[in-house]
PDB file of N, CA and C in Angstrom:
ATOM      1  N   MET A   1      21.622 -47.483 -38.343  1.00  0.00           N
ATOM      2  CA  MET A   1      21.656 -46.422 -39.391  1.00  0.00           C
ATOM      3  C   MET A   1      20.508 -46.736 -40.383  1.00  0.00           C
ATOM      4  N   ALA A   2      19.894 -45.708 -40.880  1.00  0.00           N
ATOM      5  CA  ALA A   2      18.779 -45.885 -41.781  1.00  0.00           C
ATOM      6  C   ALA A   2      19.300 -46.391 -43.122  1.00  0.00           C
ATOM      7  N   GLU A   3      18.561 -47.235 -43.712  1.00  0.00           N
ATOM      8  CA  GLU A   3      18.910 -47.727 -45.108  1.00  0.00           C
ATOM      9  C   GLU A   3      18.752 -46.653 -46.110  1.00  0.00           C
ATOM     10  N   GLU A   4      17.766 -45.767 -46.001  1.00  0.00           N
ATOM     11  CA  GLU A   4      17.486 -44.789 -47.011  1.00  0.00           C
ATOM     12  C   GLU A   4      17.063 -43.525 -46.342  1.00  0.00           C
ATOM     13  N   ILE A   5      17.418 -42.332 -46.881  1.00  0.00           N
ATOM     14  CA  ILE A   5      16.985 -41.080 -46.432  1.00  0.00           C
ATOM     15  C   ILE A   5      16.177 -40.451 -47.482  1.00  0.00           C
ATOM     16  N   LYS A   6      14.956 -40.047 -47.219  1.00  0.00           N
ATOM     17  CA  LYS A   6      14.092 -39.315 -48.170  1.00  0.00           C
ATOM     18  C   LYS A   6      13.857 -37.957 -47.708  1.00  0.00           C
ATOM     19  N   ILE A   7      13.923 -37.004 -48.612  1.00  0.00           N
ATOM     20  CA  ILE A   7      13.829 -35.606 -48.291  1.00  0.00           C
ATOM     21  C   ILE A   7      12.614 -35.048 -49.154  1.00  0.00           C
ATOM     22  N   GLY A   8      11.667 -34.318 -48.468  1.00  0.00           N
ATOM     23  CA  GLY A   8      10.563 -33.751 -49.194  1.00  0.00           C
ATOM     24  C   GLY A   8      10.363 -32.281 -48.748  1.00  0.00           C
ATOM     25  N   TYR A   9       9.958 -31.430 -49.703  1.00  0.00           N
ATOM     26  CA  TYR A   9       9.722 -30.065 -49.338  1.00  0.00           C
ATOM     27  C   TYR A   9       8.420 -29.584 -49.858  1.00  0.00           C
ATOM     28  N   ASP A  10       7.499 -29.071 -49.071  1.00  0.00           N
ATOM     29  CA  ASP A  10       6.169 -28.555 -49.371  1.00  0.00           C
ATOM     30  C   ASP A  10       6.298 -27.074 -49.494  1.00  0.00           C
ATOM     31  N   ARG A  11       6.339 -26.592 -50.746  1.00  0.00           N
ATOM     32  CA  ARG A  11       6.455 -25.172 -50.979  1.00  0.00           C
ATOM     33  C   ARG A  11       5.315 -24.413 -50.434  1.00  0.00           C
ATOM     34  N   GLU A  12       4.128 -24.831 -50.583  1.00  0.00           N
ATOM     35  CA  GLU A  12       2.922 -24.136 -50.129  1.00  0.00           C
ATOM     36  C   GLU A  12       2.967 -23.996 -48.482  1.00  0.00           C
ATOM     37  N   GLY A  13       3.363 -25.048 -47.844  1.00  0.00           N
ATOM     38  CA  GLY A  13       3.350 -25.074 -46.423  1.00  0.00           C
ATOM     39  C   GLY A  13       4.688 -24.569 -45.894  1.00  0.00           C
ATOM     40  N   ASP A  14       5.740 -24.525 -46.723  1.00  0.00           N
ATOM     41  CA  ASP A  14       7.094 -24.208 -46.364  1.00  0.00           C
ATOM     42  C   ASP A  14       7.636 -25.097 -45.316  1.00  0.00           C
ATOM     43  N   VAL A  15       7.467 -26.462 -45.532  1.00  0.00           N
ATOM     44  CA  VAL A  15       7.854 -27.443 -44.545  1.00  0.00           C
ATOM     45  C   VAL A  15       8.817 -28.410 -45.278  1.00  0.00           C
ATOM     46  N   LEU A  16       9.926 -28.635 -44.586  1.00  0.00           N
ATOM     47  CA  LEU A  16      10.861 -29.671 -44.910  1.00  0.00           C
ATOM     48  C   LEU A  16      10.731 -30.875 -44.153  1.00  0.00           C
ATOM     49  N   GLU A  17      10.629 -32.052 -44.849  1.00  0.00           N
ATOM     50  CA  GLU A  17      10.529 -33.302 -44.150  1.00  0.00           C
ATOM     51  C   GLU A  17      11.684 -34.108 -44.522  1.00  0.00           C
ATOM     52  N   ILE A  18      12.324 -34.836 -43.565  1.00  0.00           N
ATOM     53  CA  ILE A  18      13.399 -35.767 -43.787  1.00  0.00           C
ATOM     54  C   ILE A  18      13.014 -37.111 -43.081  1.00  0.00           C
ATOM     55  N   PHE A  19      13.067 -38.133 -43.881  1.00  0.00           N
ATOM     56  CA  PHE A  19      12.615 -39.468 -43.427  1.00  0.00           C
ATOM     57  C   PHE A  19      13.772 -40.394 -43.434  1.00  0.00           C
ATOM     58  N   PHE A  20      13.986 -41.196 -42.334  1.00  0.00           N
ATOM     59  CA  PHE A  20      15.020 -42.156 -42.247  1.00  0.00           C
ATOM     60  C   PHE A  20      14.457 -43.567 -42.370  1.00  0.00           C
ATOM     61  N   GLY A  21      14.774 -44.243 -43.383  1.00  0.00           N
ATOM     62  CA  GLY A  21      14.258 -45.665 -43.515  1.00  0.00           C
ATOM     63  C   GLY A  21      12.851 -45.719 -43.921  1.00  0.00           C
ATOM     64  N   GLU A  22      12.302 -46.927 -43.834  1.00  0.00           N
ATOM     65  CA  GLU A  22      10.898 -47.183 -44.160  1.00  0.00           C
ATOM     66  C   GLU A  22       9.952 -46.563 -43.160  1.00  0.00           C
ATOM     67  N   PRO A  23       8.742 -46.083 -43.559  1.00  0.00           N
ATOM     68  CA  PRO A  23       7.819 -45.450 -42.670  1.00  0.00           C
ATOM     69  C   PRO A  23       7.392 -46.421 -41.552  1.00  0.00           C
ATOM     70  N   VAL A  24       7.474 -45.987 -40.355  1.00  0.00           N
ATOM     71  CA  VAL A  24       6.890 -46.704 -39.258  1.00  0.00           C
ATOM     72  C   VAL A  24       6.101 -45.755 -38.299  1.00  0.00           C
ATOM     73  N   PRO A  25       5.142 -46.239 -37.520  1.00  0.00           N
ATOM     74  CA  PRO A  25       4.434 -45.393 -36.658  1.00  0.00           C
ATOM     75  C   PRO A  25       5.442 -44.669 -35.742  1.00  0.00           C
ATOM     76  N   SER A  26       5.281 -43.299 -35.650  1.00  0.00           N
ATOM     77  CA  SER A  26       6.191 -42.492 -34.923  1.00  0.00           C
ATOM     78  C   SER A  26       5.457 -41.426 -34.145  1.00  0.00           C
ATOM     79  N   ILE A  27       6.231 -40.876 -33.211  1.00  0.00           N
ATOM     80  CA  ILE A  27       5.740 -39.749 -32.389  1.00  0.00           C
ATOM     81  C   ILE A  27       6.791 -38.528 -32.576  1.00  0.00           C
ATOM     82  N   ALA A  28       6.274 -37.346 -32.618  1.00  0.00           N
ATOM     83  CA  ALA A  28       7.112 -36.228 -32.885  1.00  0.00           C
ATOM     84  C   ALA A  28       7.329 -35.438 -31.489  1.00  0.00           C
ATOM     85  N   HIS A  29       8.531 -34.934 -31.354  1.00  0.00           N
ATOM     86  CA  HIS A  29       8.909 -34.082 -30.188  1.00  0.00           C
ATOM     87  C   HIS A  29       9.512 -32.817 -30.720  1.00  0.00           C
ATOM     88  N   GLU A  30       8.917 -31.665 -30.313  1.00  0.00           N
ATOM     89  CA  GLU A  30       9.494 -30.419 -30.694  1.00  0.00           C
ATOM     90  C   GLU A  30      10.776 -30.135 -29.853  1.00  0.00           C
ATOM     91  N   VAL A  31      11.929 -30.075 -30.556  1.00  0.00           N
ATOM     92  CA  VAL A  31      13.198 -29.847 -29.865  1.00  0.00           C
ATOM     93  C   VAL A  31      13.681 -28.401 -29.879  1.00  0.00           C
ATOM     94  N   THR A  32      13.245 -27.683 -30.864  1.00  0.00           N
ATOM     95  CA  THR A  32      13.479 -26.257 -31.026  1.00  0.00           C
ATOM     96  C   THR A  32      12.206 -25.705 -31.701  1.00  0.00           C
ATOM     97  N   GLU A  33      11.859 -24.454 -31.416  1.00  0.00           N
ATOM     98  CA  GLU A  33      10.614 -23.939 -31.974  1.00  0.00           C
ATOM     99  C   GLU A  33      10.515 -24.300 -33.470  1.00  0.00           C
ATOM    100  N   GLY A  34       9.472 -25.027 -33.846  1.00  0.00           N
ATOM    101  CA  GLY A  34       9.296 -25.380 -35.276  1.00  0.00           C
ATOM    102  C   GLY A  34      10.110 -26.499 -35.827  1.00  0.00           C
ATOM    103  N   VAL A  35      10.900 -27.144 -34.989  1.00  0.00           N
ATOM    104  CA  VAL A  35      11.757 -28.215 -35.399  1.00  0.00           C
ATOM    105  C   VAL A  35      11.394 -29.429 -34.544  1.00  0.00           C
ATOM    106  N   PHE A  36      10.968 -30.536 -35.269  1.00  0.00           N
ATOM    107  CA  PHE A  36      10.479 -31.725 -34.656  1.00  0.00           C
ATOM    108  C   PHE A  36      11.395 -32.966 -35.035  1.00  0.00           C
ATOM    109  N   LEU A  37      11.649 -33.762 -34.051  1.00  0.00           N
ATOM    110  CA  LEU A  37      12.316 -35.017 -34.258  1.00  0.00           C
ATOM    111  C   LEU A  37      11.192 -36.105 -34.063  1.00  0.00           C
ATOM    112  N   ARG A  38      11.247 -36.995 -34.965  1.00  0.00           N
ATOM    113  CA  ARG A  38      10.297 -38.142 -34.866  1.00  0.00           C
ATOM    114  C   ARG A  38      11.004 -39.377 -34.499  1.00  0.00           C
ATOM    115  N   ARG A  39      10.394 -40.160 -33.667  1.00  0.00           N
ATOM    116  CA  ARG A  39      11.000 -41.406 -33.222  1.00  0.00           C
ATOM    117  C   ARG A  39       9.990 -42.490 -33.333  1.00  0.00           C
ATOM    118  N   SER A  40      10.333 -43.681 -33.446  1.00  0.00           N
ATOM    119  CA  SER A  40       9.477 -44.916 -33.493  1.00  0.00           C
ATOM    120  C   SER A  40       8.720 -45.012 -32.211  1.00  0.00           C
ATOM    121  N   ILE A  41       7.452 -45.385 -32.302  1.00  0.00           N
ATOM    122  CA  ILE A  41       6.742 -45.620 -31.045  1.00  0.00           C
ATOM    123  C   ILE A  41       7.126 -46.960 -30.390  1.00  0.00           C
ATOM    124  N   ASN A  42       7.762 -47.795 -31.151  1.00  0.00           N
ATOM    125  CA  ASN A  42       8.168 -49.110 -30.675  1.00  0.00           C
ATOM    126  C   ASN A  42       9.529 -49.121 -29.974  1.00  0.00           C
ATOM    127  N   ASP A  43      10.380 -48.162 -30.252  1.00  0.00           N
ATOM    128  CA  ASP A  43      11.647 -48.052 -29.663  1.00  0.00           C
ATOM    129  C   ASP A  43      12.048 -46.549 -29.760  1.00  0.00           C
ATOM    130  N   VAL A  44      13.299 -46.184 -29.575  1.00  0.00           N
ATOM    131  CA  VAL A  44      13.754 -44.852 -29.535  1.00  0.00           C
ATOM    132  C   VAL A  44      14.462 -44.421 -30.810  1.00  0.00           C
ATOM    133  N   HIS A  45      14.462 -45.239 -31.884  1.00  0.00           N
ATOM    134  CA  HIS A  45      15.283 -44.829 -33.047  1.00  0.00           C
ATOM    135  C   HIS A  45      14.630 -43.699 -33.820  1.00  0.00           C
ATOM    136  N   LEU A  46      15.437 -42.813 -34.349  1.00  0.00           N
ATOM    137  CA  LEU A  46      14.993 -41.684 -34.989  1.00  0.00           C
ATOM    138  C   LEU A  46      14.409 -42.014 -36.403  1.00  0.00           C
ATOM    139  N   THR A  47      13.225 -41.502 -36.718  1.00  0.00           N
ATOM    140  CA  THR A  47      12.635 -41.881 -37.968  1.00  0.00           C
ATOM    141  C   THR A  47      12.486 -40.663 -38.929  1.00  0.00           C
ATOM    142  N   GLY A  48      12.697 -39.435 -38.360  1.00  0.00           N
ATOM    143  CA  GLY A  48      12.595 -38.341 -39.230  1.00  0.00           C
ATOM    144  C   GLY A  48      12.751 -36.931 -38.522  1.00  0.00           C
ATOM    145  N   ILE A  49      12.753 -35.963 -39.287  1.00  0.00           N
ATOM    146  CA  ILE A  49      12.863 -34.581 -38.863  1.00  0.00           C
ATOM    147  C   ILE A  49      11.919 -33.713 -39.659  1.00  0.00           C
ATOM    148  N   THR A  50      11.297 -32.769 -39.001  1.00  0.00           N
ATOM    149  CA  THR A  50      10.366 -31.872 -39.701  1.00  0.00           C
ATOM    150  C   THR A  50      10.782 -30.448 -39.311  1.00  0.00           C
ATOM    151  N   ILE A  51      10.959 -29.590 -40.314  1.00  0.00           N
ATOM    152  CA  ILE A  51      11.235 -28.191 -40.070  1.00  0.00           C
ATOM    153  C   ILE A  51      10.189 -27.240 -40.665  1.00  0.00           C
ATOM    154  N   LEU A  52       9.449 -26.553 -39.827  1.00  0.00           N
ATOM    155  CA  LEU A  52       8.447 -25.632 -40.302  1.00  0.00           C
ATOM    156  C   LEU A  52       9.058 -24.308 -40.667  1.00  0.00           C
ATOM    157  N   SER A  53       8.417 -23.592 -41.527  1.00  0.00           N
ATOM    158  CA  SER A  53       8.819 -22.206 -41.970  1.00  0.00           C
ATOM    159  C   SER A  53      10.271 -22.236 -42.415  1.00  0.00           C
ATOM    160  N   LEU A  54      10.620 -23.153 -43.294  1.00  0.00           N
ATOM    161  CA  LEU A  54      12.070 -23.346 -43.643  1.00  0.00           C
ATOM    162  C   LEU A  54      12.614 -22.055 -44.297  1.00  0.00           C
ATOM    163  N   THR A  55      11.967 -21.441 -45.282  1.00  0.00           N
ATOM    164  CA  THR A  55      12.593 -20.274 -45.948  1.00  0.00           C
ATOM    165  C   THR A  55      12.664 -19.019 -45.021  1.00  0.00           C
ATOM    166  N   LYS A  56      11.772 -19.030 -44.076  1.00  0.00           N
ATOM    167  CA  LYS A  56      11.845 -17.903 -43.157  1.00  0.00           C
ATOM    168  C   LYS A  56      12.970 -18.080 -42.169  1.00  0.00           C
ATOM    169  N   ARG A  57      13.387 -19.328 -41.912  1.00  0.00           N
ATOM    170  CA  ARG A  57      14.507 -19.644 -40.981  1.00  0.00           C
ATOM    171  C   ARG A  57      15.870 -19.467 -41.652  1.00  0.00           C
ATOM    172  N   PHE A  58      15.902 -19.847 -42.914  1.00  0.00           N
ATOM    173  CA  PHE A  58      17.227 -19.895 -43.666  1.00  0.00           C
ATOM    174  C   PHE A  58      17.089 -19.116 -44.870  1.00  0.00           C
ATOM    175  N   LYS A  59      17.852 -18.028 -45.004  1.00  0.00           N
ATOM    176  CA  LYS A  59      17.923 -17.257 -46.179  1.00  0.00           C
ATOM    177  C   LYS A  59      18.753 -17.910 -47.261  1.00  0.00           C
ATOM    178  N   ASP A  60      19.772 -18.576 -46.770  1.00  0.00           N
ATOM    179  CA  ASP A  60      20.666 -19.186 -47.748  1.00  0.00           C
ATOM    180  C   ASP A  60      20.460 -20.741 -47.574  1.00  0.00           C
ATOM    181  N   LEU A  61      19.596 -21.347 -48.500  1.00  0.00           N
ATOM    182  CA  LEU A  61      19.295 -22.721 -48.432  1.00  0.00           C
ATOM    183  C   LEU A  61      20.328 -23.674 -48.748  1.00  0.00           C
ATOM    184  N   GLU A  62      21.463 -23.115 -49.223  1.00  0.00           N
ATOM    185  CA  GLU A  62      22.591 -24.066 -49.624  1.00  0.00           C
ATOM    186  C   GLU A  62      23.374 -24.550 -48.409  1.00  0.00           C
ATOM    187  N   LEU A  63      23.315 -23.778 -47.312  1.00  0.00           N
ATOM    188  CA  LEU A  63      23.969 -24.212 -46.095  1.00  0.00           C
ATOM    189  C   LEU A  63      23.043 -23.902 -44.919  1.00  0.00           C
ATOM    190  N   MET A  64      22.715 -24.908 -44.144  1.00  0.00           N
ATOM    191  CA  MET A  64      21.772 -24.761 -43.084  1.00  0.00           C
ATOM    192  C   MET A  64      22.431 -25.281 -41.748  1.00  0.00           C
ATOM    193  N   SER A  65      22.159 -24.647 -40.672  1.00  0.00           N
ATOM    194  CA  SER A  65      22.659 -25.088 -39.366  1.00  0.00           C
ATOM    195  C   SER A  65      21.420 -25.002 -38.448  1.00  0.00           C
ATOM    196  N   ILE A  66      21.174 -26.072 -37.797  1.00  0.00           N
ATOM    197  CA  ILE A  66      20.011 -26.123 -36.806  1.00  0.00           C
ATOM    198  C   ILE A  66      20.502 -26.464 -35.475  1.00  0.00           C
ATOM    199  N   PRO A  67      20.440 -25.550 -34.516  1.00  0.00           N
ATOM    200  CA  PRO A  67      20.831 -25.857 -33.142  1.00  0.00           C
ATOM    201  C   PRO A  67      19.802 -26.681 -32.476  1.00  0.00           C
ATOM    202  N   LEU A  68      20.099 -27.965 -32.152  1.00  0.00           N
ATOM    203  CA  LEU A  68      19.250 -28.912 -31.600  1.00  0.00           C
ATOM    204  C   LEU A  68      19.529 -29.207 -30.170  1.00  0.00           C
ATOM    205  N   ALA A  69      20.695 -29.097 -29.716  1.00  0.00           N
ATOM    206  CA  ALA A  69      21.059 -29.482 -28.371  1.00  0.00           C
ATOM    207  C   ALA A  69      20.674 -30.915 -28.083  1.00  0.00           C
ATOM    208  N   LEU A  70      21.055 -31.827 -28.897  1.00  0.00           N
ATOM    209  CA  LEU A  70      20.628 -33.264 -28.797  1.00  0.00           C
ATOM    210  C   LEU A  70      21.114 -33.868 -27.524  1.00  0.00           C
ATOM    211  N   GLN A  71      22.145 -33.431 -26.957  1.00  0.00           N
ATOM    212  CA  GLN A  71      22.566 -34.029 -25.708  1.00  0.00           C
ATOM    213  C   GLN A  71      21.603 -33.772 -24.623  1.00  0.00           C
ATOM    214  N   GLU A  72      20.676 -32.766 -24.722  1.00  0.00           N
ATOM    215  CA  GLU A  72      19.628 -32.543 -23.815  1.00  0.00           C
ATOM    216  C   GLU A  72      18.305 -33.195 -24.110  1.00  0.00           C
ATOM    217  N   TYR A  73      18.255 -33.815 -25.368  1.00  0.00           N
ATOM    218  CA  TYR A  73      17.014 -34.415 -25.814  1.00  0.00           C
ATOM    219  C   TYR A  73      16.832 -35.809 -25.121  1.00  0.00           C
ATOM    220  N   THR A  74      15.780 -35.937 -24.421  1.00  0.00           N
ATOM    221  CA  THR A  74      15.423 -37.236 -23.861  1.00  0.00           C
ATOM    222  C   THR A  74      14.029 -37.564 -24.232  1.00  0.00           C
ATOM    223  N   VAL A  75      13.756 -38.813 -24.354  1.00  0.00           N
ATOM    224  CA  VAL A  75      12.420 -39.297 -24.667  1.00  0.00           C
ATOM    225  C   VAL A  75      11.784 -39.893 -23.466  1.00  0.00           C
ATOM    226  N   GLU A  76      10.624 -39.392 -23.110  1.00  0.00           N
ATOM    227  CA  GLU A  76       9.949 -39.951 -22.006  1.00  0.00           C
ATOM    228  C   GLU A  76       8.848 -40.928 -22.562  1.00  0.00           C
ATOM    229  N   GLU A  77       8.988 -42.115 -21.940  1.00  0.00           N
ATOM    230  CA  GLU A  77       7.993 -43.182 -22.316  1.00  0.00           C
ATOM    231  C   GLU A  77       6.652 -42.809 -21.717  1.00  0.00           C
ATOM    232  N   THR A  78       5.575 -43.033 -22.480  1.00  0.00           N
ATOM    233  CA  THR A  78       4.236 -42.735 -21.952  1.00  0.00           C
ATOM    234  C   THR A  78       3.518 -44.049 -21.714  1.00  0.00           C
TER     235      THR A  78
END
């Protein structure tokens, strides 16, 4: 489990960034159009989530639901 969660929002780009723990080199995988999960390049732990076009996706920003189908998410080693 991450020690700290940081959340940032770029109004100009309309991008939400969620970071888990200290920054580490990561690779992003698009799991749903415009939604990216980032994982460490050294192992498979989740380091963050990026959501593009946040306000276009969610009219009510107080309650958000993102269908990710994580059970289908697999990481292919390169």
